[in-house]
Amino acid sequence: MAGHSQYSNIKHRKALVDSKRSKLWSKLSKAIIVAAKLGGGDPSSNVRLRTAIIDAKAVSLPKDNIERAIKKGTGELEGGDVEEILYEGYGPGGVAVLCDIMTDNRNRTAPEVRKLFDTHGGKLGSTNCVAYLFERKGMIMIKQSAVDLEKLMELALENGADDVTEVDDRYEVTCTPDVYSTVVEAIESQGIEVDFKEVSRVPSTTVEVDSETAISVMKLLEKLEDHDDVQSVASNVNFTEEQLASLG
């Protein structure tokens, strides 16, 4: 059930961002810029860049945009002055909230994010106030009808995945971020259709809230996700299927 909730929670919020494609493309371009800036412009030797490119291609970011972002990161083009920051805080009901930020002006971004927390019943916290509750994990979801479990397990584990579990009508492959792109490429190279894939921050434990608090938490998460400089948002709240349905 925990896996199902995590998958449902992520998909629900991600759909909101994906619906605004131009904004999503901008965020993915920033991820490529930062990856190239930190590890160079060659995806074959820069795992993080390879992962960012996989995510970008998954939502049809044009090849020219990808190449431009890489050149900004390596300094071949202007516009690569983007830094990565992690903001931590609490939402309504005391739920833990993490925001991965990429910005070219932290003096603008910090007060904007703080205001979003304050306006929606939360509070921006200090460094490591909630980060210790989360672990970065690669998550790959595949419909059970797409592949035999034994074949998928052999393929995933041979390429460094941690585990393959059954979650409702899907298989969930989990792995560390450093092998995420290798696992995804190995699975897709066999013609297996991936239903969902993402590197995200997974909470070690989750909390449940009442329906009224769930609405307030979701509003905060949505507003944070919508901010131009917020790459992704993670929370340890476990929305029930009924709450997700009522939230639309």
C-alpha atoms as a PDB file:
ATOM      1  CA  MET A   1       0.000   0.000   0.000  1.00  0.00           C
ATOM      2  CA  ALA A   2       2.854   2.409   0.784  1.00  0.00           C
ATOM      3  CA  GLY A   3       4.270   1.980  -2.706  1.00  0.00           C
ATOM      4  CA  HIS A   4       0.862   2.521  -4.264  1.00  0.00           C
ATOM      5  CA  SER A   5       0.304   5.680  -2.229  1.00  0.00           C
ATOM      6  CA  GLN A   6       3.708   7.086  -3.152  1.00  0.00           C
ATOM      7  CA  TYR A   7       3.094   6.383  -6.840  1.00  0.00           C
ATOM      8  CA  SER A   8      -0.416   7.866  -6.730  1.00  0.00           C
ATOM      9  CA  ASN A   9       0.748  10.953  -4.821  1.00  0.00           C
ATOM     10  CA  ILE A  10       3.590  11.641  -7.253  1.00  0.00           C
ATOM     11  CA  LYS A  11       1.452  11.080 -10.350  1.00  0.00           C
ATOM     12  CA  HIS A  12      -1.294  13.359  -9.046  1.00  0.00           C
ATOM     13  CA  ARG A  13       1.070  16.297  -8.474  1.00  0.00           C
ATOM     14  CA  LYS A  14       3.177  15.598 -11.553  1.00  0.00           C
ATOM     15  CA  ALA A  15       0.086  15.724 -13.772  1.00  0.00           C
ATOM     16  CA  LEU A  16      -0.515  19.289 -12.623  1.00  0.00           C
ATOM     17  CA  VAL A  17       2.974  20.339 -13.716  1.00  0.00           C
ATOM     18  CA  ASP A  18       2.916  18.317 -16.942  1.00  0.00           C
ATOM     19  CA  SER A  19      -0.258  20.116 -17.978  1.00  0.00           C
ATOM     20  CA  LYS A  20       1.795  23.311 -18.233  1.00  0.00           C
ATOM     21  CA  ARG A  21       4.296  22.079 -20.787  1.00  0.00           C
ATOM     22  CA  SER A  22       6.217  25.324 -21.362  1.00  0.00           C
ATOM     23  CA  LYS A  23       6.871  25.675 -17.644  1.00  0.00           C
ATOM     24  CA  LEU A  24       7.876  22.015 -17.391  1.00  0.00           C
ATOM     25  CA  TRP A  25      10.295  22.380 -20.291  1.00  0.00           C
ATOM     26  CA  SER A  26      11.890  25.353 -18.542  1.00  0.00           C
ATOM     27  CA  LYS A  27      12.395  23.320 -15.370  1.00  0.00           C
ATOM     28  CA  LEU A  28      13.893  20.393 -17.272  1.00  0.00           C
ATOM     29  CA  SER A  29      16.244  22.738 -19.113  1.00  0.00           C
ATOM     30  CA  LYS A  30      17.483  24.052 -15.760  1.00  0.00           C
ATOM     31  CA  ALA A  31      18.106  20.479 -14.605  1.00  0.00           C
ATOM     32  CA  ILE A  32      20.222  19.862 -17.703  1.00  0.00           C
ATOM     33  CA  ILE A  33      22.128  23.132 -17.210  1.00  0.00           C
ATOM     34  CA  VAL A  34      22.998  22.274 -13.599  1.00  0.00           C
ATOM     35  CA  ALA A  35      23.951  18.693 -14.473  1.00  0.00           C
ATOM     36  CA  ALA A  36      26.274  19.842 -17.274  1.00  0.00           C
ATOM     37  CA  LYS A  37      27.701  22.580 -15.050  1.00  0.00           C
ATOM     38  CA  LEU A  38      28.559  20.104 -12.293  1.00  0.00           C
ATOM     39  CA  GLY A  39      29.717  17.117 -14.338  1.00  0.00           C
ATOM     40  CA  GLY A  40      30.477  18.221 -17.884  1.00  0.00           C
ATOM     41  CA  GLY A  41      28.532  18.044 -21.123  1.00  0.00           C
ATOM     42  CA  ASP A  42      29.106  14.397 -22.043  1.00  0.00           C
ATOM     43  CA  PRO A  43      26.123  12.251 -20.951  1.00  0.00           C
ATOM     44  CA  SER A  44      28.129   9.049 -21.393  1.00  0.00           C
ATOM     45  CA  SER A  45      30.377  10.041 -18.483  1.00  0.00           C
ATOM     46  CA  ASN A  46      27.915  12.271 -16.591  1.00  0.00           C
ATOM     47  CA  VAL A  47      25.202  10.078 -15.053  1.00  0.00           C
ATOM     48  CA  ARG A  48      23.222  13.019 -13.750  1.00  0.00           C
ATOM     49  CA  LEU A  49      23.152  14.657 -17.180  1.00  0.00           C
ATOM     50  CA  ARG A  50      22.088  11.380 -18.779  1.00  0.00           C
ATOM     51  CA  THR A  51      19.217  11.129 -16.285  1.00  0.00           C
ATOM     52  CA  ALA A  52      18.146  14.729 -16.953  1.00  0.00           C
ATOM     53  CA  ILE A  53      18.126  14.078 -20.691  1.00  0.00           C
ATOM     54  CA  ILE A  54      16.006  10.928 -20.238  1.00  0.00           C
ATOM     55  CA  ASP A  55      13.472  12.960 -18.232  1.00  0.00           C
ATOM     56  CA  ALA A  56      13.490  15.716 -20.855  1.00  0.00           C
ATOM     57  CA  LYS A  57      12.944  13.327 -23.754  1.00  0.00           C
ATOM     58  CA  ALA A  58      10.079  11.669 -21.846  1.00  0.00           C
ATOM     59  CA  VAL A  59       8.052  14.887 -22.208  1.00  0.00           C
ATOM     60  CA  SER A  60       9.262  15.675 -25.732  1.00  0.00           C
ATOM     61  CA  LEU A  61      11.665  18.516 -24.926  1.00  0.00           C
ATOM     62  CA  PRO A  62      13.093  19.363 -28.395  1.00  0.00           C
ATOM     63  CA  LYS A  63      16.623  18.214 -29.183  1.00  0.00           C
ATOM     64  CA  ASP A  64      17.722  21.822 -29.849  1.00  0.00           C
ATOM     65  CA  ASN A  65      16.554  22.863 -26.373  1.00  0.00           C
ATOM     66  CA  ILE A  66      18.508  20.015 -24.809  1.00  0.00           C
ATOM     67  CA  GLU A  67      21.689  20.881 -26.702  1.00  0.00           C
ATOM     68  CA  ARG A  68      21.321  24.573 -25.845  1.00  0.00           C
ATOM     69  CA  ALA A  69      20.899  23.776 -22.142  1.00  0.00           C
ATOM     70  CA  ILE A  70      24.022  21.593 -22.173  1.00  0.00           C
ATOM     71  CA  LYS A  71      26.044  24.406 -23.755  1.00  0.00           C
ATOM     72  CA  LYS A  72      24.768  26.862 -21.142  1.00  0.00           C
ATOM     73  CA  GLY A  73      25.906  24.491 -18.423  1.00  0.00           C
ATOM     74  CA  THR A  74      29.371  24.029 -19.910  1.00  0.00           C
ATOM     75  CA  GLY A  75      29.760  27.777 -20.460  1.00  0.00           C
ATOM     76  CA  GLU A  76      29.659  27.675 -24.265  1.00  0.00           C
ATOM     77  CA  LEU A  77      26.526  29.842 -24.167  1.00  0.00           C
ATOM     78  CA  GLU A  78      25.380  32.491 -21.697  1.00  0.00           C
ATOM     79  CA  GLY A  79      22.622  31.680 -19.228  1.00  0.00           C
ATOM     80  CA  GLY A  80      24.278  28.968 -17.178  1.00  0.00           C
ATOM     81  CA  ASP A  81      24.345  30.875 -13.892  1.00  0.00           C
ATOM     82  CA  VAL A  82      21.902  28.526 -12.152  1.00  0.00           C
ATOM     83  CA  GLU A  83      22.447  27.111  -8.672  1.00  0.00           C
ATOM     84  CA  GLU A  84      20.812  24.236  -6.835  1.00  0.00           C
ATOM     85  CA  ILE A  85      19.290  24.707  -3.357  1.00  0.00           C
ATOM     86  CA  LEU A  86      17.205  22.505  -1.075  1.00  0.00           C
ATOM     87  CA  TYR A  87      14.472  24.234   0.942  1.00  0.00           C
ATOM     88  CA  GLU A  88      12.840  22.410   3.851  1.00  0.00           C
ATOM     89  CA  GLY A  89       9.759  23.138   5.856  1.00  0.00           C
ATOM     90  CA  TYR A  90       6.457  22.055   7.309  1.00  0.00           C
ATOM     91  CA  GLY A  91       3.015  22.075   5.768  1.00  0.00           C
ATOM     92  CA  PRO A  92      -0.424  22.109   7.421  1.00  0.00           C
ATOM     93  CA  GLY A  93      -0.698  19.426  10.076  1.00  0.00           C
ATOM     94  CA  GLY A  94       3.082  19.447  10.518  1.00  0.00           C
ATOM     95  CA  VAL A  95       3.781  17.323   7.426  1.00  0.00           C
ATOM     96  CA  ALA A  96       7.357  17.426   6.140  1.00  0.00           C
ATOM     97  CA  VAL A  97       7.963  19.238   2.840  1.00  0.00           C
ATOM     98  CA  LEU A  98      11.129  19.347   0.707  1.00  0.00           C
ATOM     99  CA  CYS A  99      11.629  21.601  -2.319  1.00  0.00           C
ATOM    100  CA  ASP A 100      14.413  21.077  -4.842  1.00  0.00           C
ATOM    101  CA  ILE A 101      15.184  24.537  -6.192  1.00  0.00           C
ATOM    102  CA  MET A 102      17.179  25.677  -9.224  1.00  0.00           C
ATOM    103  CA  THR A 103      17.505  29.429  -9.513  1.00  0.00           C
ATOM    104  CA  ASP A 104      19.646  32.177 -10.951  1.00  0.00           C
ATOM    105  CA  ASN A 105      18.663  34.515  -8.106  1.00  0.00           C
ATOM    106  CA  ARG A 106      18.260  33.031  -4.639  1.00  0.00           C
ATOM    107  CA  ASN A 107      17.531  36.492  -3.186  1.00  0.00           C
ATOM    108  CA  ARG A 108      14.345  36.514  -5.265  1.00  0.00           C
ATOM    109  CA  THR A 109      13.432  32.863  -4.810  1.00  0.00           C
ATOM    110  CA  ALA A 110      13.806  32.543  -1.017  1.00  0.00           C
ATOM    111  CA  PRO A 111      11.196  35.161  -0.013  1.00  0.00           C
ATOM    112  CA  GLU A 112       8.796  33.926  -2.714  1.00  0.00           C
ATOM    113  CA  VAL A 113       8.954  30.353  -1.443  1.00  0.00           C
ATOM    114  CA  ARG A 114       8.716  31.494   2.178  1.00  0.00           C
ATOM    115  CA  LYS A 115       5.560  33.452   1.324  1.00  0.00           C
ATOM    116  CA  LEU A 116       3.992  30.372  -0.290  1.00  0.00           C
ATOM    117  CA  PHE A 117       4.580  28.381   2.901  1.00  0.00           C
ATOM    118  CA  ASP A 118       3.189  31.182   5.091  1.00  0.00           C
ATOM    119  CA  THR A 119       0.144  31.821   2.907  1.00  0.00           C
ATOM    120  CA  HIS A 120      -0.875  28.168   2.826  1.00  0.00           C
ATOM    121  CA  GLY A 121      -0.541  27.235   6.476  1.00  0.00           C
ATOM    122  CA  GLY A 122       3.051  26.065   6.471  1.00  0.00           C
ATOM    123  CA  LYS A 123       6.439  27.296   7.592  1.00  0.00           C
ATOM    124  CA  LEU A 124       9.857  27.310   5.940  1.00  0.00           C
ATOM    125  CA  GLY A 125      12.326  25.559   8.234  1.00  0.00           C
ATOM    126  CA  SER A 126      16.070  25.375   8.841  1.00  0.00           C
ATOM    127  CA  THR A 127      18.622  23.140   7.131  1.00  0.00           C
ATOM    128  CA  ASN A 128      18.050  19.428   7.782  1.00  0.00           C
ATOM    129  CA  CYS A 129      14.865  19.980   9.767  1.00  0.00           C
ATOM    130  CA  VAL A 130      13.121  17.350   7.599  1.00  0.00           C
ATOM    131  CA  ALA A 131      15.651  16.241   4.938  1.00  0.00           C
ATOM    132  CA  TYR A 132      16.777  13.319   7.089  1.00  0.00           C
ATOM    133  CA  LEU A 133      13.313  11.788   6.650  1.00  0.00           C
ATOM    134  CA  PHE A 134      13.818  11.329   2.884  1.00  0.00           C
ATOM    135  CA  GLU A 135      15.991   9.248   0.572  1.00  0.00           C
ATOM    136  CA  ARG A 136      16.461   9.861  -3.153  1.00  0.00           C
ATOM    137  CA  LYS A 137      15.279   6.863  -5.141  1.00  0.00           C
ATOM    138  CA  GLY A 138      14.694   6.010  -8.760  1.00  0.00           C
ATOM    139  CA  MET A 139      11.183   4.690  -9.344  1.00  0.00           C
ATOM    140  CA  ILE A 140      10.140   2.896 -12.529  1.00  0.00           C
ATOM    141  CA  MET A 141       6.562   1.648 -12.908  1.00  0.00           C
ATOM    142  CA  ILE A 142       5.586  -0.945 -15.533  1.00  0.00           C
ATOM    143  CA  LYS A 143       2.189  -2.492 -16.203  1.00  0.00           C
ATOM    144  CA  GLN A 144       2.190  -6.190 -15.367  1.00  0.00           C
ATOM    145  CA  SER A 145       0.676  -6.925 -18.767  1.00  0.00           C
ATOM    146  CA  ALA A 146       3.802  -5.513 -20.447  1.00  0.00           C
ATOM    147  CA  VAL A 147       6.359  -8.021 -19.166  1.00  0.00           C
ATOM    148  CA  ASP A 148       6.864 -11.260 -17.251  1.00  0.00           C
ATOM    149  CA  LEU A 149       7.940 -10.660 -13.639  1.00  0.00           C
ATOM    150  CA  GLU A 150      10.852 -13.095 -13.793  1.00  0.00           C
ATOM    151  CA  LYS A 151      12.229 -11.465 -16.949  1.00  0.00           C
ATOM    152  CA  LEU A 152      11.864  -7.960 -15.503  1.00  0.00           C
ATOM    153  CA  MET A 153      13.462  -8.927 -12.201  1.00  0.00           C
ATOM    154  CA  GLU A 154      16.460 -10.514 -13.919  1.00  0.00           C
ATOM    155  CA  LEU A 155      16.901  -7.513 -16.217  1.00  0.00           C
ATOM    156  CA  ALA A 156      16.504  -4.919 -13.453  1.00  0.00           C
ATOM    157  CA  LEU A 157      18.732  -6.588 -10.868  1.00  0.00           C
ATOM    158  CA  GLU A 158      21.474  -7.318 -13.400  1.00  0.00           C
ATOM    159  CA  ASN A 159      21.625  -3.594 -14.131  1.00  0.00           C
ATOM    160  CA  GLY A 160      21.851  -2.491 -10.503  1.00  0.00           C
ATOM    161  CA  ALA A 161      18.242  -2.077  -9.340  1.00  0.00           C
ATOM    162  CA  ASP A 162      17.522  -2.646  -5.644  1.00  0.00           C
ATOM    163  CA  ASP A 163      14.178  -4.392  -5.913  1.00  0.00           C
ATOM    164  CA  VAL A 164      11.137  -5.234  -8.014  1.00  0.00           C
ATOM    165  CA  THR A 165       7.771  -5.397  -6.256  1.00  0.00           C
ATOM    166  CA  GLU A 166       4.152  -5.842  -7.279  1.00  0.00           C
ATOM    167  CA  VAL A 167       1.935  -2.797  -6.691  1.00  0.00           C
ATOM    168  CA  ASP A 168      -1.657  -3.375  -7.762  1.00  0.00           C
ATOM    169  CA  ASP A 169      -1.539  -4.015 -11.540  1.00  0.00           C
ATOM    170  CA  ARG A 170       2.022  -2.740 -11.931  1.00  0.00           C
ATOM    171  CA  TYR A 171       5.593  -3.690 -11.124  1.00  0.00           C
ATOM    172  CA  GLU A 172       7.642  -1.109  -9.236  1.00  0.00           C
ATOM    173  CA  VAL A 173      11.383  -1.120  -9.854  1.00  0.00           C
ATOM    174  CA  THR A 174      13.411   0.875  -7.337  1.00  0.00           C
ATOM    175  CA  CYS A 175      17.081   1.818  -7.583  1.00  0.00           C
ATOM    176  CA  THR A 176      19.640   4.366  -6.440  1.00  0.00           C
ATOM    177  CA  PRO A 177      19.886   7.570  -8.534  1.00  0.00           C
ATOM    178  CA  ASP A 178      23.356   6.679  -9.868  1.00  0.00           C
ATOM    179  CA  VAL A 179      22.041   3.606 -11.736  1.00  0.00           C
ATOM    180  CA  TYR A 180      18.603   5.024 -12.642  1.00  0.00           C
ATOM    181  CA  SER A 181      19.470   5.862 -16.258  1.00  0.00           C
ATOM    182  CA  THR A 182      21.181   2.474 -16.740  1.00  0.00           C
ATOM    183  CA  VAL A 183      18.132   0.599 -15.435  1.00  0.00           C
ATOM    184  CA  VAL A 184      15.689   2.666 -17.525  1.00  0.00           C
ATOM    185  CA  GLU A 185      17.745   2.193 -20.691  1.00  0.00           C
ATOM    186  CA  ALA A 186      18.108  -1.562 -20.062  1.00  0.00           C
ATOM    187  CA  ILE A 187      14.356  -1.991 -19.645  1.00  0.00           C
ATOM    188  CA  GLU A 188      13.351   0.169 -22.604  1.00  0.00           C
ATOM    189  CA  SER A 189      15.975  -1.436 -24.875  1.00  0.00           C
ATOM    190  CA  GLN A 190      14.021  -4.683 -24.541  1.00  0.00           C
ATOM    191  CA  GLY A 191      10.885  -3.035 -25.909  1.00  0.00           C
ATOM    192  CA  ILE A 192       9.217  -2.961 -22.488  1.00  0.00           C
ATOM    193  CA  GLU A 193       6.940   0.058 -22.150  1.00  0.00           C
ATOM    194  CA  VAL A 194       7.562   2.089 -18.997  1.00  0.00           C
ATOM    195  CA  ASP A 195       4.389   3.564 -17.509  1.00  0.00           C
ATOM    196  CA  PHE A 196       6.109   6.044 -15.172  1.00  0.00           C
ATOM    197  CA  LYS A 197       9.691   6.869 -14.247  1.00  0.00           C
ATOM    198  CA  GLU A 198      11.234   9.433 -11.929  1.00  0.00           C
ATOM    199  CA  VAL A 199      14.004  10.067  -9.452  1.00  0.00           C
ATOM    200  CA  SER A 200      12.238  11.417  -6.387  1.00  0.00           C
ATOM    201  CA  ARG A 201      12.663  11.874  -2.662  1.00  0.00           C
ATOM    202  CA  VAL A 202      10.906   9.021  -0.906  1.00  0.00           C
ATOM    203  CA  PRO A 203       9.982   9.405   2.793  1.00  0.00           C
ATOM    204  CA  SER A 204      11.155   6.721   5.216  1.00  0.00           C
ATOM    205  CA  THR A 205       7.825   6.975   7.017  1.00  0.00           C
ATOM    206  CA  THR A 206       4.526   8.612   6.075  1.00  0.00           C
ATOM    207  CA  VAL A 207       1.777  10.392   7.993  1.00  0.00           C
ATOM    208  CA  GLU A 208      -1.952  10.532   7.331  1.00  0.00           C
ATOM    209  CA  VAL A 209      -4.097  13.633   7.783  1.00  0.00           C
ATOM    210  CA  ASP A 210      -7.815  14.310   7.874  1.00  0.00           C
ATOM    211  CA  SER A 211      -9.647  15.401   4.722  1.00  0.00           C
ATOM    212  CA  GLU A 212      -9.648  19.117   5.592  1.00  0.00           C
ATOM    213  CA  THR A 213      -5.908  19.134   6.254  1.00  0.00           C
ATOM    214  CA  ALA A 214      -5.330  17.077   3.094  1.00  0.00           C
ATOM    215  CA  ILE A 215      -6.915  19.849   1.013  1.00  0.00           C
ATOM    216  CA  SER A 216      -4.672  22.485   2.644  1.00  0.00           C
ATOM    217  CA  VAL A 217      -1.545  20.356   2.167  1.00  0.00           C
ATOM    218  CA  MET A 218      -2.348  19.697  -1.484  1.00  0.00           C
ATOM    219  CA  LYS A 219      -2.896  23.424  -2.141  1.00  0.00           C
ATOM    220  CA  LEU A 220       0.537  24.188  -0.683  1.00  0.00           C
ATOM    221  CA  LEU A 221       2.213  21.427  -2.707  1.00  0.00           C
ATOM    222  CA  GLU A 222       0.491  22.579  -5.896  1.00  0.00           C
ATOM    223  CA  LYS A 223       1.545  26.203  -5.392  1.00  0.00           C
ATOM    224  CA  LEU A 224       5.131  25.147  -4.715  1.00  0.00           C
ATOM    225  CA  GLU A 225       5.186  22.856  -7.778  1.00  0.00           C
ATOM    226  CA  ASP A 226       3.898  25.744  -9.872  1.00  0.00           C
ATOM    227  CA  HIS A 227       6.760  28.070  -8.907  1.00  0.00           C
ATOM    228  CA  ASP A 228       9.191  28.579 -11.782  1.00  0.00           C
ATOM    229  CA  ASP A 229      12.278  27.817  -9.667  1.00  0.00           C
ATOM    230  CA  VAL A 230      10.928  24.716  -7.900  1.00  0.00           C
ATOM    231  CA  GLN A 231      12.103  21.571  -9.671  1.00  0.00           C
ATOM    232  CA  SER A 232      10.215  19.109  -7.511  1.00  0.00           C
ATOM    233  CA  VAL A 233       8.393  18.857  -4.208  1.00  0.00           C
ATOM    234  CA  ALA A 234       8.326  15.906  -1.816  1.00  0.00           C
ATOM    235  CA  SER A 235       6.230  15.361   1.279  1.00  0.00           C
ATOM    236  CA  ASN A 236       5.742  12.583   3.801  1.00  0.00           C
ATOM    237  CA  VAL A 237       1.951  12.940   3.700  1.00  0.00           C
ATOM    238  CA  ASN A 238       0.091   9.812   2.613  1.00  0.00           C
ATOM    239  CA  PHE A 239      -3.073  10.855   0.807  1.00  0.00           C
ATOM    240  CA  THR A 240      -5.719   8.151   0.728  1.00  0.00           C
ATOM    241  CA  GLU A 241      -7.320   7.152  -2.568  1.00  0.00           C
ATOM    242  CA  GLU A 242     -10.529   8.839  -1.412  1.00  0.00           C
ATOM    243  CA  GLN A 243      -8.699  12.098  -0.675  1.00  0.00           C
ATOM    244  CA  LEU A 244      -6.949  12.055  -4.070  1.00  0.00           C
ATOM    245  CA  ALA A 245     -10.277  11.403  -5.789  1.00  0.00           C
ATOM    246  CA  SER A 246     -11.927  14.324  -4.011  1.00  0.00           C
ATOM    247  CA  LEU A 247      -8.973  16.575  -4.818  1.00  0.00           C
ATOM    248  CA  GLY A 248      -9.421  15.780  -8.506  1.00  0.00           C
END
